[in-house]
mmCIF file of all heavy atoms, coordinates in Angstrom:
data_MODEL
# 
_entry.id   MODEL 
# 
loop_
_atom_site.group_PDB 
_atom_site.id 
_atom_site.type_symbol 
_atom_site.label_atom_id 
_atom_site.label_alt_id 
_atom_site.label_comp_id 
_atom_site.label_asym_id 
_atom_site.label_entity_id 
_atom_site.label_seq_id 
_atom_site.pdbx_PDB_ins_code 
_atom_site.Cartn_x 
_atom_site.Cartn_y 
_atom_site.Cartn_z 
_atom_site.occupancy 
_atom_site.B_iso_or_equiv 
_atom_site.pdbx_formal_charge 
_atom_site.auth_seq_id 
_atom_site.auth_comp_id 
_atom_site.auth_asym_id 
_atom_site.auth_atom_id 
_atom_site.pdbx_PDB_model_num 
ATOM 1   N N   . LEU A 1 1  ? -1.604 -10.775 -6.383  1.00 0.00 ? 1  LEU A N   1 
ATOM 2   C CA  . LEU A 1 1  ? -0.735 -11.589 -5.535  1.00 0.00 ? 1  LEU A CA  1 
ATOM 3   C C   . LEU A 1 1  ? -1.543 -12.548 -4.677  1.00 0.00 ? 1  LEU A C   1 
ATOM 4   O O   . LEU A 1 1  ? -1.127 -13.689 -4.428  1.00 0.00 ? 1  LEU A O   1 
ATOM 5   C CB  . LEU A 1 1  ? 0.151  -10.702 -4.662  1.00 0.00 ? 1  LEU A CB  1 
ATOM 6   C CG  . LEU A 1 1  ? 1.279  -9.934  -5.354  1.00 0.00 ? 1  LEU A CG  1 
ATOM 7   C CD1 . LEU A 1 1  ? 2.098  -9.153  -4.331  1.00 0.00 ? 1  LEU A CD1 1 
ATOM 8   C CD2 . LEU A 1 1  ? 2.183  -10.857 -6.158  1.00 0.00 ? 1  LEU A CD2 1 
ATOM 9   N N   . ASP A 1 2  ? -2.711 -12.103 -4.233  1.00 0.00 ? 2  ASP A N   1 
ATOM 10  C CA  . ASP A 1 2  ? -3.568 -12.981 -3.445  1.00 0.00 ? 2  ASP A CA  1 
ATOM 11  C C   . ASP A 1 2  ? -3.966 -14.223 -4.231  1.00 0.00 ? 2  ASP A C   1 
ATOM 12  O O   . ASP A 1 2  ? -4.110 -15.310 -3.671  1.00 0.00 ? 2  ASP A O   1 
ATOM 13  C CB  . ASP A 1 2  ? -4.814 -12.222 -2.985  1.00 0.00 ? 2  ASP A CB  1 
ATOM 14  C CG  . ASP A 1 2  ? -5.773 -13.106 -2.199  1.00 0.00 ? 2  ASP A CG  1 
ATOM 15  O OD1 . ASP A 1 2  ? -5.389 -13.578 -1.117  1.00 0.00 ? 2  ASP A OD1 1 
ATOM 16  O OD2 . ASP A 1 2  ? -6.899 -13.344 -2.690  1.00 0.00 ? 2  ASP A OD2 1 
ATOM 17  N N   . HIS A 1 3  ? -4.139 -14.073 -5.539  1.00 0.00 ? 3  HIS A N   1 
ATOM 18  C CA  . HIS A 1 3  ? -4.491 -15.230 -6.376  1.00 0.00 ? 3  HIS A CA  1 
ATOM 19  C C   . HIS A 1 3  ? -3.356 -16.237 -6.448  1.00 0.00 ? 3  HIS A C   1 
ATOM 20  O O   . HIS A 1 3  ? -3.580 -17.393 -6.836  1.00 0.00 ? 3  HIS A O   1 
ATOM 21  C CB  . HIS A 1 3  ? -4.908 -14.771 -7.770  1.00 0.00 ? 3  HIS A CB  1 
ATOM 22  C CG  . HIS A 1 3  ? -6.283 -14.167 -7.810  1.00 0.00 ? 3  HIS A CG  1 
ATOM 23  N ND1 . HIS A 1 3  ? -7.441 -14.916 -7.779  1.00 0.00 ? 3  HIS A ND1 1 
ATOM 24  C CD2 . HIS A 1 3  ? -6.693 -12.883 -7.841  1.00 0.00 ? 3  HIS A CD2 1 
ATOM 25  C CE1 . HIS A 1 3  ? -8.500 -14.130 -7.809  1.00 0.00 ? 3  HIS A CE1 1 
ATOM 26  N NE2 . HIS A 1 3  ? -8.070 -12.875 -7.841  1.00 0.00 ? 3  HIS A NE2 1 
ATOM 27  N N   . TYR A 1 4  ? -2.153 -15.829 -6.092  1.00 0.00 ? 4  TYR A N   1 
ATOM 28  C CA  . TYR A 1 4  ? -1.025 -16.749 -5.978  1.00 0.00 ? 4  TYR A CA  1 
ATOM 29  C C   . TYR A 1 4  ? -0.779 -17.163 -4.526  1.00 0.00 ? 4  TYR A C   1 
ATOM 30  O O   . TYR A 1 4  ? 0.268  -17.747 -4.204  1.00 0.00 ? 4  TYR A O   1 
ATOM 31  C CB  . TYR A 1 4  ? 0.240  -16.105 -6.548  1.00 0.00 ? 4  TYR A CB  1 
ATOM 32  C CG  . TYR A 1 4  ? 0.186  -15.866 -8.041  1.00 0.00 ? 4  TYR A CG  1 
ATOM 33  C CD1 . TYR A 1 4  ? -0.030 -14.588 -8.543  1.00 0.00 ? 4  TYR A CD1 1 
ATOM 34  C CD2 . TYR A 1 4  ? 0.336  -16.919 -8.951  1.00 0.00 ? 4  TYR A CD2 1 
ATOM 35  C CE1 . TYR A 1 4  ? -0.092 -14.359 -9.912  1.00 0.00 ? 4  TYR A CE1 1 
ATOM 36  C CE2 . TYR A 1 4  ? 0.275  -16.696 -10.317 1.00 0.00 ? 4  TYR A CE2 1 
ATOM 37  C CZ  . TYR A 1 4  ? 0.061  -15.418 -10.799 1.00 0.00 ? 4  TYR A CZ  1 
ATOM 38  O OH  . TYR A 1 4  ? -0.005 -15.194 -12.158 1.00 0.00 ? 4  TYR A OH  1 
ATOM 39  N N   . GLY A 1 5  ? -1.722 -16.826 -3.632  1.00 0.00 ? 5  GLY A N   1 
ATOM 40  C CA  . GLY A 1 5  ? -1.602 -17.220 -2.237  1.00 0.00 ? 5  GLY A CA  1 
ATOM 41  C C   . GLY A 1 5  ? -0.711 -16.340 -1.406  1.00 0.00 ? 5  GLY A C   1 
ATOM 42  O O   . GLY A 1 5  ? -0.359 -16.697 -0.277  1.00 0.00 ? 5  GLY A O   1 
ATOM 43  N N   . VAL A 1 6  ? -0.323 -15.166 -1.948  1.00 0.00 ? 6  VAL A N   1 
ATOM 44  C CA  . VAL A 1 6  ? 0.603  -14.272 -1.256  1.00 0.00 ? 6  VAL A CA  1 
ATOM 45  C C   . VAL A 1 6  ? -0.175 -13.092 -0.679  1.00 0.00 ? 6  VAL A C   1 
ATOM 46  O O   . VAL A 1 6  ? -0.794 -12.325 -1.421  1.00 0.00 ? 6  VAL A O   1 
ATOM 47  C CB  . VAL A 1 6  ? 1.709  -13.764 -2.205  1.00 0.00 ? 6  VAL A CB  1 
ATOM 48  C CG1 . VAL A 1 6  ? 2.641  -12.799 -1.473  1.00 0.00 ? 6  VAL A CG1 1 
ATOM 49  C CG2 . VAL A 1 6  ? 2.495  -14.936 -2.776  1.00 0.00 ? 6  VAL A CG2 1 
ATOM 50  N N   . ALA A 1 7  ? -0.160 -12.947 0.636   1.00 0.00 ? 7  ALA A N   1 
ATOM 51  C CA  . ALA A 1 7  ? -0.916 -11.898 1.326   1.00 0.00 ? 7  ALA A CA  1 
ATOM 52  C C   . ALA A 1 7  ? 0.007  -10.724 1.616   1.00 0.00 ? 7  ALA A C   1 
ATOM 53  O O   . ALA A 1 7  ? 0.942  -10.840 2.419   1.00 0.00 ? 7  ALA A O   1 
ATOM 54  C CB  . ALA A 1 7  ? -1.513 -12.433 2.621   1.00 0.00 ? 7  ALA A CB  1 
ATOM 55  N N   . VAL A 1 8  ? -0.231 -9.595  0.937   1.00 0.00 ? 8  VAL A N   1 
ATOM 56  C CA  . VAL A 1 8  ? 0.460  -8.342  1.229   1.00 0.00 ? 8  VAL A CA  1 
ATOM 57  C C   . VAL A 1 8  ? -0.597 -7.269  1.444   1.00 0.00 ? 8  VAL A C   1 
ATOM 58  O O   . VAL A 1 8  ? -1.777 -7.481  1.192   1.00 0.00 ? 8  VAL A O   1 
ATOM 59  C CB  . VAL A 1 8  ? 1.417  -7.916  0.092   1.00 0.00 ? 8  VAL A CB  1 
ATOM 60  C CG1 . VAL A 1 8  ? 2.484  -8.972  -0.146  1.00 0.00 ? 8  VAL A CG1 1 
ATOM 61  C CG2 . VAL A 1 8  ? 0.642  -7.622  -1.193  1.00 0.00 ? 8  VAL A CG2 1 
ATOM 62  N N   . ARG A 1 9  ? -0.176 -6.132  1.914   1.00 0.00 ? 9  ARG A N   1 
ATOM 63  C CA  . ARG A 1 9  ? -1.078 -5.005  2.095   1.00 0.00 ? 9  ARG A CA  1 
ATOM 64  C C   . ARG A 1 9  ? -0.961 -4.083  0.890   1.00 0.00 ? 9  ARG A C   1 
ATOM 65  O O   . ARG A 1 9  ? 0.123  -3.912  0.340   1.00 0.00 ? 9  ARG A O   1 
ATOM 66  C CB  . ARG A 1 9  ? -0.696 -4.237  3.363   1.00 0.00 ? 9  ARG A CB  1 
ATOM 67  C CG  . ARG A 1 9  ? -1.670 -3.178  3.821   1.00 0.00 ? 9  ARG A CG  1 
ATOM 68  C CD  . ARG A 1 9  ? -2.977 -3.768  4.311   1.00 0.00 ? 9  ARG A CD  1 
ATOM 69  N NE  . ARG A 1 9  ? -3.754 -2.793  5.049   1.00 0.00 ? 9  ARG A NE  1 
ATOM 70  C CZ  . ARG A 1 9  ? -4.320 -3.036  6.225   1.00 0.00 ? 9  ARG A CZ  1 
ATOM 71  N NH1 . ARG A 1 9  ? -4.193 -4.209  6.793   1.00 0.00 ? 9  ARG A NH1 1 
ATOM 72  N NH2 . ARG A 1 9  ? -5.027 -2.110  6.846   1.00 0.00 ? 9  ARG A NH2 1 
ATOM 73  N N   . ALA A 1 10 ? -2.062 -3.472  0.494   1.00 0.00 ? 10 ALA A N   1 
ATOM 74  C CA  . ALA A 1 10 ? -2.039 -2.474  -0.574  1.00 0.00 ? 10 ALA A CA  1 
ATOM 75  C C   . ALA A 1 10 ? -2.893 -1.299  -0.138  1.00 0.00 ? 10 ALA A C   1 
ATOM 76  O O   . ALA A 1 10 ? -4.038 -1.472  0.285   1.00 0.00 ? 10 ALA A O   1 
ATOM 77  C CB  . ALA A 1 10 ? -2.569 -3.062  -1.881  1.00 0.00 ? 10 ALA A CB  1 
ATOM 78  N N   . GLY A 1 11 ? -2.330 -0.091  -0.216  1.00 0.00 ? 11 GLY A N   1 
ATOM 79  C CA  . GLY A 1 11 ? -3.079 1.094   0.184   1.00 0.00 ? 11 GLY A CA  1 
ATOM 80  C C   . GLY A 1 11 ? -2.154 2.154   0.724   1.00 0.00 ? 11 GLY A C   1 
ATOM 81  O O   . GLY A 1 11 ? -0.945 2.140   0.477   1.00 0.00 ? 11 GLY A O   1 
ATOM 82  N N   . HIS A 1 12 ? -2.732 3.070   1.494   1.00 0.00 ? 12 HIS A N   1 
ATOM 83  C CA  . HIS A 1 12 ? -1.917 4.146   2.065   1.00 0.00 ? 12 HIS A CA  1 
ATOM 84  C C   . HIS A 1 12 ? -1.383 3.804   3.447   1.00 0.00 ? 12 HIS A C   1 
ATOM 85  O O   . HIS A 1 12 ? -0.626 4.576   4.030   1.00 0.00 ? 12 HIS A O   1 
ATOM 86  C CB  . HIS A 1 12 ? -2.705 5.456   2.110   1.00 0.00 ? 12 HIS A CB  1 
ATOM 87  C CG  . HIS A 1 12 ? -4.040 5.340   2.801   1.00 0.00 ? 12 HIS A CG  1 
ATOM 88  N ND1 . HIS A 1 12 ? -4.166 5.091   4.148   1.00 0.00 ? 12 HIS A ND1 1 
ATOM 89  C CD2 . HIS A 1 12 ? -5.306 5.459   2.322   1.00 0.00 ? 12 HIS A CD2 1 
ATOM 90  C CE1 . HIS A 1 12 ? -5.450 5.061   4.479   1.00 0.00 ? 12 HIS A CE1 1 
ATOM 91  N NE2 . HIS A 1 12 ? -6.163 5.278   3.392   1.00 0.00 ? 12 HIS A NE2 1 
ATOM 92  N N   . HIS A 1 13 ? -1.798 2.646   3.988   1.00 0.00 ? 13 HIS A N   1 
ATOM 93  C CA  . HIS A 1 13 ? -1.263 2.130   5.260   1.00 0.00 ? 13 HIS A CA  1 
ATOM 94  C C   . HIS A 1 13 ? -1.506 3.091   6.419   1.00 0.00 ? 13 HIS A C   1 
ATOM 95  O O   . HIS A 1 13 ? -0.697 3.168   7.358   1.00 0.00 ? 13 HIS A O   1 
ATOM 96  C CB  . HIS A 1 13 ? 0.233  1.807   5.127   1.00 0.00 ? 13 HIS A CB  1 
ATOM 97  C CG  . HIS A 1 13 ? 0.572  1.088   3.863   1.00 0.00 ? 13 HIS A CG  1 
ATOM 98  N ND1 . HIS A 1 13 ? 0.035  -0.135  3.549   1.00 0.00 ? 13 HIS A ND1 1 
ATOM 99  C CD2 . HIS A 1 13 ? 1.362  1.444   2.810   1.00 0.00 ? 13 HIS A CD2 1 
ATOM 100 C CE1 . HIS A 1 13 ? 0.481  -0.521  2.358   1.00 0.00 ? 13 HIS A CE1 1 
ATOM 101 N NE2 . HIS A 1 13 ? 1.283  0.423   1.892   1.00 0.00 ? 13 HIS A NE2 1 
ATOM 102 N N   . CYS A 1 14 ? -2.615 3.802   6.378   1.00 0.00 ? 14 CYS A N   1 
ATOM 103 C CA  . CYS A 1 14 ? -2.929 4.793   7.413   1.00 0.00 ? 14 CYS A CA  1 
ATOM 104 C C   . CYS A 1 14 ? -1.782 5.789   7.577   1.00 0.00 ? 14 CYS A C   1 
ATOM 105 O O   . CYS A 1 14 ? -1.448 6.200   8.688   1.00 0.00 ? 14 CYS A O   1 
ATOM 106 C CB  . CYS A 1 14 ? -3.251 4.126   8.751   1.00 0.00 ? 14 CYS A CB  1 
ATOM 107 S SG  . CYS A 1 14 ? -4.748 3.132   8.708   1.00 0.00 ? 14 CYS A SG  1 
ATOM 108 N N   . ALA A 1 15 ? -1.169 6.129   6.446   1.00 0.00 ? 15 ALA A N   1 
ATOM 109 C CA  . ALA A 1 15 ? -0.072 7.104   6.446   1.00 0.00 ? 15 ALA A CA  1 
ATOM 110 C C   . ALA A 1 15 ? -0.185 7.955   5.187   1.00 0.00 ? 15 ALA A C   1 
ATOM 111 O O   . ALA A 1 15 ? 0.754  8.038   4.385   1.00 0.00 ? 15 ALA A O   1 
ATOM 112 C CB  . ALA A 1 15 ? 1.271  6.387   6.508   1.00 0.00 ? 15 ALA A CB  1 
ATOM 113 N N   . MET A 1 16 ? -1.332 8.602   5.017   1.00 0.00 ? 16 MET A N   1 
ATOM 114 C CA  . MET A 1 16 ? -1.567 9.402   3.813   1.00 0.00 ? 16 MET A CA  1 
ATOM 115 C C   . MET A 1 16 ? -0.521 10.499  3.602   1.00 0.00 ? 16 MET A C   1 
ATOM 116 O O   . MET A 1 16 ? -0.099 10.722  2.463   1.00 0.00 ? 16 MET A O   1 
ATOM 117 C CB  . MET A 1 16 ? -2.972 10.000  3.844   1.00 0.00 ? 16 MET A CB  1 
ATOM 118 C CG  . MET A 1 16 ? -4.078 9.010   3.569   1.00 0.00 ? 16 MET A CG  1 
ATOM 119 S SD  . MET A 1 16 ? -5.695 9.833   3.515   1.00 0.00 ? 16 MET A SD  1 
ATOM 120 C CE  . MET A 1 16 ? -6.736 8.424   3.126   1.00 0.00 ? 16 MET A CE  1 
ATOM 121 N N   . PRO A 1 17 ? -0.067 11.204  4.645   1.00 0.00 ? 17 PRO A N   1 
ATOM 122 C CA  . PRO A 1 17 ? 0.971  12.210  4.403   1.00 0.00 ? 17 PRO A CA  1 
ATOM 123 C C   . PRO A 1 17 ? 2.256  11.627  3.822   1.00 0.00 ? 17 PRO A C   1 
ATOM 124 O O   . PRO A 1 17 ? 2.951  12.306  3.055   1.00 0.00 ? 17 PRO A O   1 
ATOM 125 C CB  . PRO A 1 17 ? 1.206  12.820  5.794   1.00 0.00 ? 17 PRO A CB  1 
ATOM 126 C CG  . PRO A 1 17 ? -0.110 12.649  6.495   1.00 0.00 ? 17 PRO A CG  1 
ATOM 127 C CD  . PRO A 1 17 ? -0.590 11.303  6.032   1.00 0.00 ? 17 PRO A CD  1 
ATOM 128 N N   . VAL A 1 18 ? 2.570  10.379  4.156   1.00 0.00 ? 18 VAL A N   1 
ATOM 129 C CA  . VAL A 1 18 ? 3.750  9.735   3.565   1.00 0.00 ? 18 VAL A CA  1 
ATOM 130 C C   . VAL A 1 18 ? 3.537  9.528   2.075   1.00 0.00 ? 18 VAL A C   1 
ATOM 131 O O   . VAL A 1 18 ? 4.432  9.798   1.253   1.00 0.00 ? 18 VAL A O   1 
ATOM 132 C CB  . VAL A 1 18 ? 4.053  8.387   4.272   1.00 0.00 ? 18 VAL A CB  1 
ATOM 133 C CG1 . VAL A 1 18 ? 5.162  7.634   3.538   1.00 0.00 ? 18 VAL A CG1 1 
ATOM 134 C CG2 . VAL A 1 18 ? 4.445  8.621   5.716   1.00 0.00 ? 18 VAL A CG2 1 
ATOM 135 N N   . MET A 1 19 ? 2.356  9.044   1.704   1.00 0.00 ? 19 MET A N   1 
ATOM 136 C CA  . MET A 1 19 ? 2.058  8.851   0.279   1.00 0.00 ? 19 MET A CA  1 
ATOM 137 C C   . MET A 1 19 ? 2.101  10.188  -0.462  1.00 0.00 ? 19 MET A C   1 
ATOM 138 O O   . MET A 1 19 ? 2.635  10.277  -1.578  1.00 0.00 ? 19 MET A O   1 
ATOM 139 C CB  . MET A 1 19 ? 0.693  8.191   0.107   1.00 0.00 ? 19 MET A CB  1 
ATOM 140 C CG  . MET A 1 19 ? 0.545  6.839   0.783   1.00 0.00 ? 19 MET A CG  1 
ATOM 141 S SD  . MET A 1 19 ? 1.706  5.568   0.220   1.00 0.00 ? 19 MET A SD  1 
ATOM 142 C CE  . MET A 1 19 ? 2.529  5.154   1.762   1.00 0.00 ? 19 MET A CE  1 
ATOM 143 N N   . ASP A 1 20 ? 1.562  11.232  0.160   1.00 0.00 ? 20 ASP A N   1 
ATOM 144 C CA  . ASP A 1 20 ? 1.599  12.568  -0.461  1.00 0.00 ? 20 ASP A CA  1 
ATOM 145 C C   . ASP A 1 20 ? 3.041  13.022  -0.678  1.00 0.00 ? 20 ASP A C   1 
ATOM 146 O O   . ASP A 1 20 ? 3.362  13.624  -1.708  1.00 0.00 ? 20 ASP A O   1 
ATOM 147 C CB  . ASP A 1 20 ? 0.854  13.584  0.407   1.00 0.00 ? 20 ASP A CB  1 
ATOM 148 C CG  . ASP A 1 20 ? -0.651 13.332  0.443   1.00 0.00 ? 20 ASP A CG  1 
ATOM 149 O OD1 . ASP A 1 20 ? -1.159 12.605  -0.442  1.00 0.00 ? 20 ASP A OD1 1 
ATOM 150 O OD2 . ASP A 1 20 ? -1.316 13.855  1.365   1.00 0.00 ? 20 ASP A OD2 1 
ATOM 151 N N   . PHE A 1 21 ? 3.907  12.730  0.278   1.00 0.00 ? 21 PHE A N   1 
ATOM 152 C CA  . PHE A 1 21 ? 5.319  13.122  0.174   1.00 0.00 ? 21 PHE A CA  1 
ATOM 153 C C   . PHE A 1 21 ? 5.967  12.511  -1.064  1.00 0.00 ? 21 PHE A C   1 
ATOM 154 O O   . PHE A 1 21 ? 6.758  13.157  -1.765  1.00 0.00 ? 21 PHE A O   1 
ATOM 155 C CB  . PHE A 1 21 ? 6.073  12.694  1.432   1.00 0.00 ? 21 PHE A CB  1 
ATOM 156 C CG  . PHE A 1 21 ? 7.552  12.922  1.383   1.00 0.00 ? 21 PHE A CG  1 
ATOM 157 C CD1 . PHE A 1 21 ? 8.094  14.166  1.670   1.00 0.00 ? 21 PHE A CD1 1 
ATOM 158 C CD2 . PHE A 1 21 ? 8.423  11.881  1.043   1.00 0.00 ? 21 PHE A CD2 1 
ATOM 159 C CE1 . PHE A 1 21 ? 9.466  14.378  1.625   1.00 0.00 ? 21 PHE A CE1 1 
ATOM 160 C CE2 . PHE A 1 21 ? 9.798  12.084  0.992   1.00 0.00 ? 21 PHE A CE2 1 
ATOM 161 C CZ  . PHE A 1 21 ? 10.320 13.343  1.283   1.00 0.00 ? 21 PHE A CZ  1 
ATOM 162 N N   . TYR A 1 22 ? 5.634  11.246  -1.346  1.00 0.00 ? 22 TYR A N   1 
ATOM 163 C CA  . TYR A 1 22 ? 6.219  10.563  -2.498  1.00 0.00 ? 22 TYR A CA  1 
ATOM 164 C C   . TYR A 1 22 ? 5.417  10.759  -3.782  1.00 0.00 ? 22 TYR A C   1 
ATOM 165 O O   . TYR A 1 22 ? 5.812  10.262  -4.839  1.00 0.00 ? 22 TYR A O   1 
ATOM 166 C CB  . TYR A 1 22 ? 6.370  9.066   -2.200  1.00 0.00 ? 22 TYR A CB  1 
ATOM 167 C CG  . TYR A 1 22 ? 7.470  8.765   -1.207  1.00 0.00 ? 22 TYR A CG  1 
ATOM 168 C CD1 . TYR A 1 22 ? 7.181  8.458   0.118   1.00 0.00 ? 22 TYR A CD1 1 
ATOM 169 C CD2 . TYR A 1 22 ? 8.803  8.804   -1.605  1.00 0.00 ? 22 TYR A CD2 1 
ATOM 170 C CE1 . TYR A 1 22 ? 8.197  8.198   1.029   1.00 0.00 ? 22 TYR A CE1 1 
ATOM 171 C CE2 . TYR A 1 22 ? 9.826  8.540   -0.698  1.00 0.00 ? 22 TYR A CE2 1 
ATOM 172 C CZ  . TYR A 1 22 ? 9.521  8.239   0.612   1.00 0.00 ? 22 TYR A CZ  1 
ATOM 173 O OH  . TYR A 1 22 ? 10.528 7.983   1.514   1.00 0.00 ? 22 TYR A OH  1 
ATOM 174 N N   . GLY A 1 23 ? 4.294  11.453  -3.681  1.00 0.00 ? 23 GLY A N   1 
ATOM 175 C CA  . GLY A 1 23 ? 3.492  11.729  -4.868  1.00 0.00 ? 23 GLY A CA  1 
ATOM 176 C C   . GLY A 1 23 ? 2.839  10.493  -5.451  1.00 0.00 ? 23 GLY A C   1 
ATOM 177 O O   . GLY A 1 23 ? 2.678  10.375  -6.671  1.00 0.00 ? 23 GLY A O   1 
ATOM 178 N N   . ILE A 1 24 ? 2.452  9.556   -4.587  1.00 0.00 ? 24 ILE A N   1 
ATOM 179 C CA  . ILE A 1 24 ? 1.809  8.314   -5.026  1.00 0.00 ? 24 ILE A CA  1 
ATOM 180 C C   . ILE A 1 24 ? 0.528  8.113   -4.220  1.00 0.00 ? 24 ILE A C   1 
ATOM 181 O O   . ILE A 1 24 ? 0.408  8.591   -3.091  1.00 0.00 ? 24 ILE A O   1 
ATOM 182 C CB  . ILE A 1 24 ? 2.745  7.103   -4.844  1.00 0.00 ? 24 ILE A CB  1 
ATOM 183 C CG1 . ILE A 1 24 ? 3.277  7.027   -3.400  1.00 0.00 ? 24 ILE A CG1 1 
ATOM 184 C CG2 . ILE A 1 24 ? 3.910  7.170   -5.842  1.00 0.00 ? 24 ILE A CG2 1 
ATOM 185 C CD1 . ILE A 1 24 ? 4.185  5.833   -3.125  1.00 0.00 ? 24 ILE A CD1 1 
# 
């Protein structure tokens, strides 16, 4: 997306337990 000029965040967003909850 950055190569198209679109800035988003990718990662666990400092919320690893949330990612664990969703299994991702």
